[in-house]
Every structure is written in structure tokens, then in C-alpha cells.
Amino acid sequence: MMPSMEPHQEKARLAAAGYAPAPEASALIYGMIGMALFSVGMWGAGRFYDLPLIPHLSLVVVGSLIAFPVGIWLRKKRKRRHVEAYQAELVRFGGGHRS
């Protein structure tokens, strides 16, 4: 059971979620999605340019391993934006203190 939020906190949360939504998935999921998107992009580029990916498998693996932390960074950035937006909205609704 979630503890009830005060009305100004709930309004601030909803307002912040309107323009800076909180990430809903874990950092691991963001990393895996980054890897999957990179791999699909490489597959699409290989099909478009008629290049076989098997001889370049090390490039695909290295690119995927780079895409994993990029996905984690994206989640951290989205979380930070949401927290900043929530704090700003909390101040706007008069329920928080800006430091």
C-alpha cells in the first residue's frame, strides 16, 4: 500500500510527469534496449548496403557493449530531469523548498 501524498505533492508529481516523465524500467532494461536497438540498426544497415554481418561480428559486439552504458546513461538523465521537474513543480505549488 502506497502512503498517501499530500495534494500539493500529487499535483507536482502529475505536472512534472507531463513534461519530464519518470523512467519506468530499470537501468538494466534500458541497457538491454540500447543493445537491441543498436543490433537491429546494424542488421538494417547491413541489409540495406548488402553487407554480411558475420565477418564483422566483433564490430557488432563492441557496438552493442558501447550501447549498453549509453542506455543506462539515458535512464539516469531521464530520472534526473524528472526529479528536477518535480522539485520545480513542488516549489511552484508551494510545498517544497528550493536550495
PDB file of N, CA and C in Angstrom:
ATOM      1  N   MET A   1       0.830  -1.171   0.000  1.00  0.00           N
ATOM      2  CA  MET A   1       0.000   0.000   0.000  1.00  0.00           C
ATOM      3  C   MET A   1       0.878   1.238   0.000  1.00  0.00           C
ATOM      4  N   MET A   2       0.639   2.136  -0.971  1.00  0.00           N
ATOM      5  CA  MET A   2       1.402   3.365  -1.054  1.00  0.00           C
ATOM      6  C   MET A   2       0.917   4.366  -0.035  1.00  0.00           C
ATOM      7  N   PRO A   3       1.845   5.057   0.634  1.00  0.00           N
ATOM      8  CA  PRO A   3       1.400   6.097   1.553  1.00  0.00           C
ATOM      9  C   PRO A   3       0.759   7.234   0.769  1.00  0.00           C
ATOM     10  N   SER A   4      -0.247   7.823   1.369  1.00  0.00           N
ATOM     11  CA  SER A   4      -0.941   8.895   0.648  1.00  0.00           C
ATOM     12  C   SER A   4      -0.069  10.140   0.617  1.00  0.00           C
ATOM     13  N   MET A   5      -0.091  10.777  -0.535  1.00  0.00           N
ATOM     14  CA  MET A   5       0.679  12.003  -0.707  1.00  0.00           C
ATOM     15  C   MET A   5      -0.221  13.189  -0.409  1.00  0.00           C
ATOM     16  N   GLU A   6       0.397  14.244   0.014  1.00  0.00           N
ATOM     17  CA  GLU A   6      -0.370  15.462   0.218  1.00  0.00           C
ATOM     18  C   GLU A   6      -0.800  15.980  -1.145  1.00  0.00           C
ATOM     19  N   PRO A   7      -1.892  16.750  -1.201  1.00  0.00           N
ATOM     20  CA  PRO A   7      -2.412  17.210  -2.501  1.00  0.00           C
ATOM     21  C   PRO A   7      -1.389  17.981  -3.335  1.00  0.00           C
ATOM     22  N   HIS A   8      -0.580  18.835  -2.700  1.00  0.00           N
ATOM     23  CA  HIS A   8       0.393  19.597  -3.487  1.00  0.00           C
ATOM     24  C   HIS A   8       1.494  18.692  -4.035  1.00  0.00           C
ATOM     25  N   GLN A   9       1.840  17.633  -3.310  1.00  0.00           N
ATOM     26  CA  GLN A   9       2.845  16.697  -3.813  1.00  0.00           C
ATOM     27  C   GLN A   9       2.305  15.913  -5.005  1.00  0.00           C
ATOM     28  N   GLU A  10       1.067  15.495  -4.916  1.00  0.00           N
ATOM     29  CA  GLU A  10       0.447  14.757  -6.021  1.00  0.00           C
ATOM     30  C   GLU A  10       0.318  15.639  -7.262  1.00  0.00           C
ATOM     31  N   LYS A  11      -0.094  16.906  -7.060  1.00  0.00           N
ATOM     32  CA  LYS A  11      -0.192  17.842  -8.193  1.00  0.00           C
ATOM     33  C   LYS A  11       1.174  18.067  -8.822  1.00  0.00           C
ATOM     34  N   ALA A  12       2.197  18.208  -7.989  1.00  0.00           N
ATOM     35  CA  ALA A  12       3.551  18.421  -8.502  1.00  0.00           C
ATOM     36  C   ALA A  12       4.038  17.198  -9.275  1.00  0.00           C
ATOM     37  N   ARG A  13       3.738  16.009  -8.754  1.00  0.00           N
ATOM     38  CA  ARG A  13       4.158  14.786  -9.443  1.00  0.00           C
ATOM     39  C   ARG A  13       3.495  14.668 -10.804  1.00  0.00           C
ATOM     40  N   LEU A  14       2.197  14.944 -10.851  1.00  0.00           N
ATOM     41  CA  LEU A  14       1.480  14.848 -12.124  1.00  0.00           C
ATOM     42  C   LEU A  14       1.936  15.913 -13.111  1.00  0.00           C
ATOM     43  N   ALA A  15       2.171  17.122 -12.617  1.00  0.00           N
ATOM     44  CA  ALA A  15       2.630  18.195 -13.505  1.00  0.00           C
ATOM     45  C   ALA A  15       4.016  17.874 -14.065  1.00  0.00           C
ATOM     46  N   ALA A  16       4.902  17.381 -13.216  1.00  0.00           N
ATOM     47  CA  ALA A  16       6.254  17.043 -13.676  1.00  0.00           C
ATOM     48  C   ALA A  16       6.221  15.880 -14.657  1.00  0.00           C
ATOM     49  N   ALA A  17       5.347  14.915 -14.416  1.00  0.00           N
ATOM     50  CA  ALA A  17       5.252  13.765 -15.314  1.00  0.00           C
ATOM     51  C   ALA A  17       4.731  14.172 -16.690  1.00  0.00           C
ATOM     52  N   GLY A  18       4.052  15.310 -16.777  1.00  0.00           N
ATOM     53  CA  GLY A  18       3.539  15.773 -18.060  1.00  0.00           C
ATOM     54  C   GLY A  18       4.626  16.177 -19.032  1.00  0.00           C
ATOM     55  N   TYR A  19       5.734  16.736 -18.535  1.00  0.00           N
ATOM     56  CA  TYR A  19       6.785  17.179 -19.453  1.00  0.00           C
ATOM     57  C   TYR A  19       8.142  16.528 -19.181  1.00  0.00           C
ATOM     58  N   ALA A  20       8.270  15.809 -18.083  1.00  0.00           N
ATOM     59  CA  ALA A  20       9.505  15.075 -17.794  1.00  0.00           C
ATOM     60  C   ALA A  20       9.125  13.777 -17.092  1.00  0.00           C
ATOM     61  N   PRO A  21       8.568  12.819 -17.833  1.00  0.00           N
ATOM     62  CA  PRO A  21       8.113  11.581 -17.185  1.00  0.00           C
ATOM     63  C   PRO A  21       9.271  10.787 -16.583  1.00  0.00           C
ATOM     64  N   ALA A  22       8.981  10.158 -15.464  1.00  0.00           N
ATOM     65  CA  ALA A  22       9.992   9.322 -14.812  1.00  0.00           C
ATOM     66  C   ALA A  22      10.187   8.046 -15.617  1.00  0.00           C
ATOM     67  N   PRO A  23      11.416   7.549 -15.694  1.00  0.00           N
ATOM     68  CA  PRO A  23      11.621   6.276 -16.374  1.00  0.00           C
ATOM     69  C   PRO A  23      10.938   5.163 -15.595  1.00  0.00           C
ATOM     70  N   GLU A  24      10.289   4.269 -16.318  1.00  0.00           N
ATOM     71  CA  GLU A  24       9.539   3.206 -15.663  1.00  0.00           C
ATOM     72  C   GLU A  24      10.319   1.903 -15.568  1.00  0.00           C
ATOM     73  N   ALA A  25      11.322   1.731 -16.381  1.00  0.00           N
ATOM     74  CA  ALA A  25      12.086   0.488 -16.386  1.00  0.00           C
ATOM     75  C   ALA A  25      13.398   0.676 -15.622  1.00  0.00           C
ATOM     76  N   SER A  26      14.038  -0.441 -15.305  1.00  0.00           N
ATOM     77  CA  SER A  26      15.309  -0.403 -14.583  1.00  0.00           C
ATOM     78  C   SER A  26      16.450  -0.032 -15.536  1.00  0.00           C
ATOM     79  N   ALA A  27      17.598   0.270 -14.951  1.00  0.00           N
ATOM     80  CA  ALA A  27      18.775   0.596 -15.751  1.00  0.00           C
ATOM     81  C   ALA A  27      19.196  -0.593 -16.613  1.00  0.00           C
ATOM     82  N   LEU A  28      19.042  -1.789 -16.088  1.00  0.00           N
ATOM     83  CA  LEU A  28      19.380  -2.992 -16.853  1.00  0.00           C
ATOM     84  C   LEU A  28      18.529  -3.096 -18.116  1.00  0.00           C
ATOM     85  N   ILE A  29      17.249  -2.829 -17.987  1.00  0.00           N
ATOM     86  CA  ILE A  29      16.355  -2.890 -19.148  1.00  0.00           C
ATOM     87  C   ILE A  29      16.728  -1.816 -20.155  1.00  0.00           C
ATOM     88  N   TYR A  30      17.032  -0.598 -19.682  1.00  0.00           N
ATOM     89  CA  TYR A  30      17.456   0.464 -20.604  1.00  0.00           C
ATOM     90  C   TYR A  30      18.717   0.051 -21.360  1.00  0.00           C
ATOM     91  N   GLY A  31      19.677  -0.568 -20.672  1.00  0.00           N
ATOM     92  CA  GLY A  31      20.894  -1.027 -21.331  1.00  0.00           C
ATOM     93  C   GLY A  31      20.616  -2.098 -22.367  1.00  0.00           C
ATOM     94  N   MET A  32      19.753  -3.033 -22.017  1.00  0.00           N
ATOM     95  CA  MET A  32      19.423  -4.113 -22.961  1.00  0.00           C
ATOM     96  C   MET A  32      18.669  -3.565 -24.173  1.00  0.00           C
ATOM     97  N   ILE A  33      17.794  -2.600 -23.956  1.00  0.00           N
ATOM     98  CA  ILE A  33      17.090  -1.991 -25.085  1.00  0.00           C
ATOM     99  C   ILE A  33      18.076  -1.249 -25.975  1.00  0.00           C
ATOM    100  N   GLY A  34      19.053  -0.575 -25.375  1.00  0.00           N
ATOM    101  CA  GLY A  34      20.091   0.087 -26.164  1.00  0.00           C
ATOM    102  C   GLY A  34      20.863  -0.899 -27.033  1.00  0.00           C
ATOM    103  N   MET A  35      21.201  -2.036 -26.451  1.00  0.00           N
ATOM    104  CA  MET A  35      21.908  -3.068 -27.213  1.00  0.00           C
ATOM    105  C   MET A  35      21.038  -3.605 -28.351  1.00  0.00           C
ATOM    106  N   ALA A  36      19.771  -3.836 -28.045  1.00  0.00           N
ATOM    107  CA  ALA A  36      18.868  -4.377 -29.066  1.00  0.00           C
ATOM    108  C   ALA A  36      18.674  -3.380 -30.207  1.00  0.00           C
ATOM    109  N   LEU A  37      18.491  -2.112 -29.872  1.00  0.00           N
ATOM    110  CA  LEU A  37      18.313  -1.098 -30.918  1.00  0.00           C
ATOM    111  C   LEU A  37      19.556  -0.971 -31.787  1.00  0.00           C
ATOM    112  N   PHE A  38      20.730  -1.009 -31.163  1.00  0.00           N
ATOM    113  CA  PHE A  38      21.964  -0.952 -31.947  1.00  0.00           C
ATOM    114  C   PHE A  38      22.072  -2.159 -32.875  1.00  0.00           C
ATOM    115  N   SER A  39      21.771  -3.334 -32.347  1.00  0.00           N
ATOM    116  CA  SER A  39      21.875  -4.556 -33.157  1.00  0.00           C
ATOM    117  C   SER A  39      20.900  -4.540 -34.328  1.00  0.00           C
ATOM    118  N   VAL A  40      19.679  -4.098 -34.078  1.00  0.00           N
ATOM    119  CA  VAL A  40      18.695  -4.010 -35.162  1.00  0.00           C
ATOM    120  C   VAL A  40      19.140  -2.966 -36.193  1.00  0.00           C
ATOM    121  N   GLY A  41      19.703  -1.868 -35.711  1.00  0.00           N
ATOM    122  CA  GLY A  41      20.217  -0.850 -36.633  1.00  0.00           C
ATOM    123  C   GLY A  41      21.351  -1.382 -37.494  1.00  0.00           C
ATOM    124  N   MET A  42      22.238  -2.135 -36.877  1.00  0.00           N
ATOM    125  CA  MET A  42      23.340  -2.735 -37.641  1.00  0.00           C
ATOM    126  C   MET A  42      22.805  -3.741 -38.660  1.00  0.00           C
ATOM    127  N   TRP A  43      21.826  -4.549 -38.242  1.00  0.00           N
ATOM    128  CA  TRP A  43      21.231  -5.516 -39.155  1.00  0.00           C
ATOM    129  C   TRP A  43      20.580  -4.786 -40.333  1.00  0.00           C
ATOM    130  N   GLY A  44      19.837  -3.712 -40.046  1.00  0.00           N
ATOM    131  CA  GLY A  44      19.182  -2.948 -41.105  1.00  0.00           C
ATOM    132  C   GLY A  44      20.190  -2.317 -42.055  1.00  0.00           C
ATOM    133  N   ALA A  45      21.267  -1.762 -41.499  1.00  0.00           N
ATOM    134  CA  ALA A  45      22.303  -1.164 -42.350  1.00  0.00           C
ATOM    135  C   ALA A  45      22.986  -2.240 -43.190  1.00  0.00           C
ATOM    136  N   GLY A  46      23.227  -3.392 -42.579  1.00  0.00           N
ATOM    137  CA  GLY A  46      23.842  -4.490 -43.336  1.00  0.00           C
ATOM    138  C   GLY A  46      22.958  -4.960 -44.468  1.00  0.00           C
ATOM    139  N   ARG A  47      21.653  -5.057 -44.224  1.00  0.00           N
ATOM    140  CA  ARG A  47      20.726  -5.455 -45.286  1.00  0.00           C
ATOM    141  C   ARG A  47      20.649  -4.384 -46.377  1.00  0.00           C
ATOM    142  N   PHE A  48      20.613  -3.120 -45.970  1.00  0.00           N
ATOM    143  CA  PHE A  48      20.486  -2.032 -46.940  1.00  0.00           C
ATOM    144  C   PHE A  48      21.711  -1.973 -47.859  1.00  0.00           C
ATOM    145  N   TYR A  49      22.912  -2.078 -47.270  1.00  0.00           N
ATOM    146  CA  TYR A  49      24.135  -1.992 -48.059  1.00  0.00           C
ATOM    147  C   TYR A  49      24.629  -3.355 -48.538  1.00  0.00           C
ATOM    148  N   ASP A  50      23.839  -4.415 -48.296  1.00  0.00           N
ATOM    149  CA  ASP A  50      24.163  -5.766 -48.730  1.00  0.00           C
ATOM    150  C   ASP A  50      25.533  -6.216 -48.199  1.00  0.00           C
ATOM    151  N   LEU A  51      25.739  -5.964 -46.902  1.00  0.00           N
ATOM    152  CA  LEU A  51      26.970  -6.380 -46.236  1.00  0.00           C
ATOM    153  C   LEU A  51      26.652  -7.497 -45.251  1.00  0.00           C
ATOM    154  N   PRO A  52      27.368  -8.597 -45.329  1.00  0.00           N
ATOM    155  CA  PRO A  52      27.144  -9.653 -44.335  1.00  0.00           C
ATOM    156  C   PRO A  52      27.731  -9.223 -42.979  1.00  0.00           C
ATOM    157  N   LEU A  53      26.998  -9.478 -41.908  1.00  0.00           N
ATOM    158  CA  LEU A  53      27.450  -9.062 -40.588  1.00  0.00           C
ATOM    159  C   LEU A  53      28.343 -10.082 -39.898  1.00  0.00           C
ATOM    160  N   ILE A  54      28.295 -11.320 -40.317  1.00  0.00           N
ATOM    161  CA  ILE A  54      29.097 -12.363 -39.667  1.00  0.00           C
ATOM    162  C   ILE A  54      30.588 -12.034 -39.719  1.00  0.00           C
ATOM    163  N   PRO A  55      31.147 -11.597 -40.857  1.00  0.00           N
ATOM    164  CA  PRO A  55      32.576 -11.245 -40.847  1.00  0.00           C
ATOM    165  C   PRO A  55      32.883 -10.034 -39.952  1.00  0.00           C
ATOM    166  N   HIS A  56      31.886  -9.233 -39.662  1.00  0.00           N
ATOM    167  CA  HIS A  56      32.073  -8.034 -38.837  1.00  0.00           C
ATOM    168  C   HIS A  56      31.421  -8.200 -37.468  1.00  0.00           C
ATOM    169  N   LEU A  57      31.355  -9.417 -36.998  1.00  0.00           N
ATOM    170  CA  LEU A  57      30.670  -9.711 -35.739  1.00  0.00           C
ATOM    171  C   LEU A  57      31.322  -9.005 -34.555  1.00  0.00           C
ATOM    172  N   SER A  58      32.635  -8.865 -34.567  1.00  0.00           N
ATOM    173  CA  SER A  58      33.307  -8.182 -33.455  1.00  0.00           C
ATOM    174  C   SER A  58      32.875  -6.715 -33.391  1.00  0.00           C
ATOM    175  N   LEU A  59      32.642  -6.091 -34.542  1.00  0.00           N
ATOM    176  CA  LEU A  59      32.166  -4.708 -34.569  1.00  0.00           C
ATOM    177  C   LEU A  59      30.755  -4.618 -33.974  1.00  0.00           C
ATOM    178  N   VAL A  60      29.923  -5.583 -34.285  1.00  0.00           N
ATOM    179  CA  VAL A  60      28.555  -5.602 -33.748  1.00  0.00           C
ATOM    180  C   VAL A  60      28.594  -5.792 -32.232  1.00  0.00           C
ATOM    181  N   VAL A  61      29.444  -6.689 -31.754  1.00  0.00           N
ATOM    182  CA  VAL A  61      29.547  -6.947 -30.315  1.00  0.00           C
ATOM    183  C   VAL A  61      30.086  -5.719 -29.588  1.00  0.00           C
ATOM    184  N   VAL A  62      31.141  -5.120 -30.110  1.00  0.00           N
ATOM    185  CA  VAL A  62      31.713  -3.926 -29.470  1.00  0.00           C
ATOM    186  C   VAL A  62      30.695  -2.787 -29.472  1.00  0.00           C
ATOM    187  N   GLY A  63      30.011  -2.602 -30.579  1.00  0.00           N
ATOM    188  CA  GLY A  63      28.984  -1.567 -30.646  1.00  0.00           C
ATOM    189  C   GLY A  63      27.857  -1.804 -29.661  1.00  0.00           C
ATOM    190  N   SER A  64      27.461  -3.058 -29.502  1.00  0.00           N
ATOM    191  CA  SER A  64      26.417  -3.396 -28.538  1.00  0.00           C
ATOM    192  C   SER A  64      26.885  -3.141 -27.116  1.00  0.00           C
ATOM    193  N   LEU A  65      28.135  -3.466 -26.836  1.00  0.00           N
ATOM    194  CA  LEU A  65      28.670  -3.231 -25.496  1.00  0.00           C
ATOM    195  C   LEU A  65      28.800  -1.738 -25.191  1.00  0.00           C
ATOM    196  N   ILE A  66      28.991  -0.933 -26.211  1.00  0.00           N
ATOM    197  CA  ILE A  66      29.002   0.516 -26.019  1.00  0.00           C
ATOM    198  C   ILE A  66      27.577   1.034 -25.849  1.00  0.00           C
ATOM    199  N   ALA A  67      26.631   0.433 -26.556  1.00  0.00           N
ATOM    200  CA  ALA A  67      25.238   0.871 -26.473  1.00  0.00           C
ATOM    201  C   ALA A  67      24.623   0.575 -25.103  1.00  0.00           C
ATOM    202  N   PHE A  68      25.129  -0.440 -24.394  1.00  0.00           N
ATOM    203  CA  PHE A  68      24.585  -0.787 -23.076  1.00  0.00           C
ATOM    204  C   PHE A  68      24.751   0.365 -22.083  1.00  0.00           C
ATOM    205  N   PRO A  69      25.966   0.899 -21.880  1.00  0.00           N
ATOM    206  CA  PRO A  69      26.079   2.028 -20.943  1.00  0.00           C
ATOM    207  C   PRO A  69      25.397   3.297 -21.443  1.00  0.00           C
ATOM    208  N   VAL A  70      25.252   3.433 -22.756  1.00  0.00           N
ATOM    209  CA  VAL A  70      24.519   4.594 -23.277  1.00  0.00           C
ATOM    210  C   VAL A  70      23.054   4.518 -22.841  1.00  0.00           C
ATOM    211  N   GLY A  71      22.486   3.324 -22.863  1.00  0.00           N
ATOM    212  CA  GLY A  71      21.114   3.149 -22.380  1.00  0.00           C
ATOM    213  C   GLY A  71      20.989   3.470 -20.904  1.00  0.00           C
ATOM    214  N   ILE A  72      21.976   3.051 -20.108  1.00  0.00           N
ATOM    215  CA  ILE A  72      21.967   3.352 -18.675  1.00  0.00           C
ATOM    216  C   ILE A  72      22.095   4.850 -18.449  1.00  0.00           C
ATOM    217  N   TRP A  73      22.969   5.503 -19.211  1.00  0.00           N
ATOM    218  CA  TRP A  73      23.130   6.959 -19.109  1.00  0.00           C
ATOM    219  C   TRP A  73      21.823   7.667 -19.445  1.00  0.00           C
ATOM    220  N   LEU A  74      21.123   7.188 -20.457  1.00  0.00           N
ATOM    221  CA  LEU A  74      19.849   7.802 -20.834  1.00  0.00           C
ATOM    222  C   LEU A  74      18.843   7.708 -19.695  1.00  0.00           C
ATOM    223  N   ARG A  75      18.789   6.571 -19.020  1.00  0.00           N
ATOM    224  CA  ARG A  75      17.863   6.418 -17.897  1.00  0.00           C
ATOM    225  C   ARG A  75      18.220   7.380 -16.771  1.00  0.00           C
ATOM    226  N   LYS A  76      19.524   7.493 -16.461  1.00  0.00           N
ATOM    227  CA  LYS A  76      19.941   8.410 -15.401  1.00  0.00           C
ATOM    228  C   LYS A  76      19.571   9.853 -15.761  1.00  0.00           C
ATOM    229  N   LYS A  77      19.736  10.197 -17.018  1.00  0.00           N
ATOM    230  CA  LYS A  77      19.410  11.547 -17.472  1.00  0.00           C
ATOM    231  C   LYS A  77      17.914  11.806 -17.357  1.00  0.00           C
ATOM    232  N   ARG A  78      17.089  10.845 -17.764  1.00  0.00           N
ATOM    233  CA  ARG A  78      15.633  10.997 -17.660  1.00  0.00           C
ATOM    234  C   ARG A  78      15.198  11.075 -16.206  1.00  0.00           C
ATOM    235  N   LYS A  79      15.806  10.274 -15.338  1.00  0.00           N
ATOM    236  CA  LYS A  79      15.473  10.301 -13.915  1.00  0.00           C
ATOM    237  C   LYS A  79      15.835  11.655 -13.307  1.00  0.00           C
ATOM    238  N   ARG A  80      17.014  12.164 -13.658  1.00  0.00           N
ATOM    239  CA  ARG A  80      17.453  13.464 -13.147  1.00  0.00           C
ATOM    240  C   ARG A  80      16.514  14.567 -13.607  1.00  0.00           C
ATOM    241  N   ARG A  81      16.115  14.539 -14.878  1.00  0.00           N
ATOM    242  CA  ARG A  81      15.179  15.541 -15.382  1.00  0.00           C
ATOM    243  C   ARG A  81      13.842  15.477 -14.654  1.00  0.00           C
ATOM    244  N   HIS A  82      13.378  14.263 -14.370  1.00  0.00           N
ATOM    245  CA  HIS A  82      12.115  14.117 -13.663  1.00  0.00           C
ATOM    246  C   HIS A  82      12.213  14.664 -12.237  1.00  0.00           C
ATOM    247  N   VAL A  83      13.293  14.342 -11.548  1.00  0.00           N
ATOM    248  CA  VAL A  83      13.459  14.825 -10.175  1.00  0.00           C
ATOM    249  C   VAL A  83      13.540  16.351 -10.160  1.00  0.00           C
ATOM    250  N   GLU A  84      14.282  16.934 -11.087  1.00  0.00           N
ATOM    251  CA  GLU A  84      14.377  18.404 -11.155  1.00  0.00           C
ATOM    252  C   GLU A  84      13.026  19.021 -11.468  1.00  0.00           C
ATOM    253  N   ALA A  85      12.278  18.409 -12.371  1.00  0.00           N
ATOM    254  CA  ALA A  85      10.954  18.931 -12.720  1.00  0.00           C
ATOM    255  C   ALA A  85      10.006  18.814 -11.532  1.00  0.00           C
ATOM    256  N   TYR A  86      10.071  17.697 -10.813  1.00  0.00           N
ATOM    257  CA  TYR A  86       9.218  17.501  -9.640  1.00  0.00           C
ATOM    258  C   TYR A  86       9.536  18.541  -8.576  1.00  0.00           C
ATOM    259  N   GLN A  87      10.815  18.785  -8.332  1.00  0.00           N
ATOM    260  CA  GLN A  87      11.200  19.787  -7.334  1.00  0.00           C
ATOM    261  C   GLN A  87      10.742  21.177  -7.742  1.00  0.00           C
ATOM    262  N   ALA A  88      10.863  21.497  -9.024  1.00  0.00           N
ATOM    263  CA  ALA A  88      10.409  22.800  -9.501  1.00  0.00           C
ATOM    264  C   ALA A  88       8.897  22.937  -9.359  1.00  0.00           C
ATOM    265  N   GLU A  89       8.173  21.887  -9.682  1.00  0.00           N
ATOM    266  CA  GLU A  89       6.712  21.930  -9.546  1.00  0.00           C
ATOM    267  C   GLU A  89       6.290  21.969  -8.076  1.00  0.00           C
ATOM    268  N   LEU A  90       7.036  21.310  -7.227  1.00  0.00           N
ATOM    269  CA  LEU A  90       6.741  21.337  -5.798  1.00  0.00           C
ATOM    270  C   LEU A  90       6.895  22.750  -5.257  1.00  0.00           C
ATOM    271  N   VAL A  91       7.936  23.449  -5.697  1.00  0.00           N
ATOM    272  CA  VAL A  91       8.126  24.846  -5.297  1.00  0.00           C
ATOM    273  C   VAL A  91       6.996  25.699  -5.856  1.00  0.00           C
ATOM    274  N   ARG A  92       6.620  25.446  -7.101  1.00  0.00           N
ATOM    275  CA  ARG A  92       5.552  26.229  -7.726  1.00  0.00           C
ATOM    276  C   ARG A  92       4.218  26.062  -6.995  1.00  0.00           C
ATOM    277  N   PHE A  93       3.948  24.845  -6.522  1.00  0.00           N
ATOM    278  CA  PHE A  93       2.705  24.598  -5.798  1.00  0.00           C
ATOM    279  C   PHE A  93       2.824  24.952  -4.315  1.00  0.00           C
ATOM    280  N   GLY A  94       3.992  25.415  -3.888  1.00  0.00           N
ATOM    281  CA  GLY A  94       4.145  25.904  -2.534  1.00  0.00           C
ATOM    282  C   GLY A  94       4.398  24.845  -1.492  1.00  0.00           C
ATOM    283  N   GLY A  95       4.843  23.673  -1.891  1.00  0.00           N
ATOM    284  CA  GLY A  95       5.032  22.620  -0.906  1.00  0.00           C
ATOM    285  C   GLY A  95       6.464  22.222  -0.687  1.00  0.00           C
ATOM    286  N   GLY A  96       7.383  22.874  -1.346  1.00  0.00           N
ATOM    287  CA  GLY A  96       8.782  22.446  -1.224  1.00  0.00           C
ATOM    288  C   GLY A  96       9.692  23.622  -1.017  1.00  0.00           C
ATOM    289  N   HIS A  97      10.927  23.295  -0.719  1.00  0.00           N
ATOM    290  CA  HIS A  97      11.946  24.323  -0.514  1.00  0.00           C
ATOM    291  C   HIS A  97      13.022  24.112  -1.547  1.00  0.00           C
ATOM    292  N   ARG A  98      13.340  25.130  -2.274  1.00  0.00           N
ATOM    293  CA  ARG A  98      14.386  25.064  -3.309  1.00  0.00           C
ATOM    294  C   ARG A  98      15.695  25.475  -2.676  1.00  0.00           C
ATOM    295  N   SER A  99      16.715  24.638  -2.817  1.00  0.00           N
ATOM    296  CA  SER A  99      18.004  25.003  -2.242  1.00  0.00           C
ATOM    297  C   SER A  99      18.992  25.379  -3.316  1.00  0.00           C
TER     298      SER A  99
END
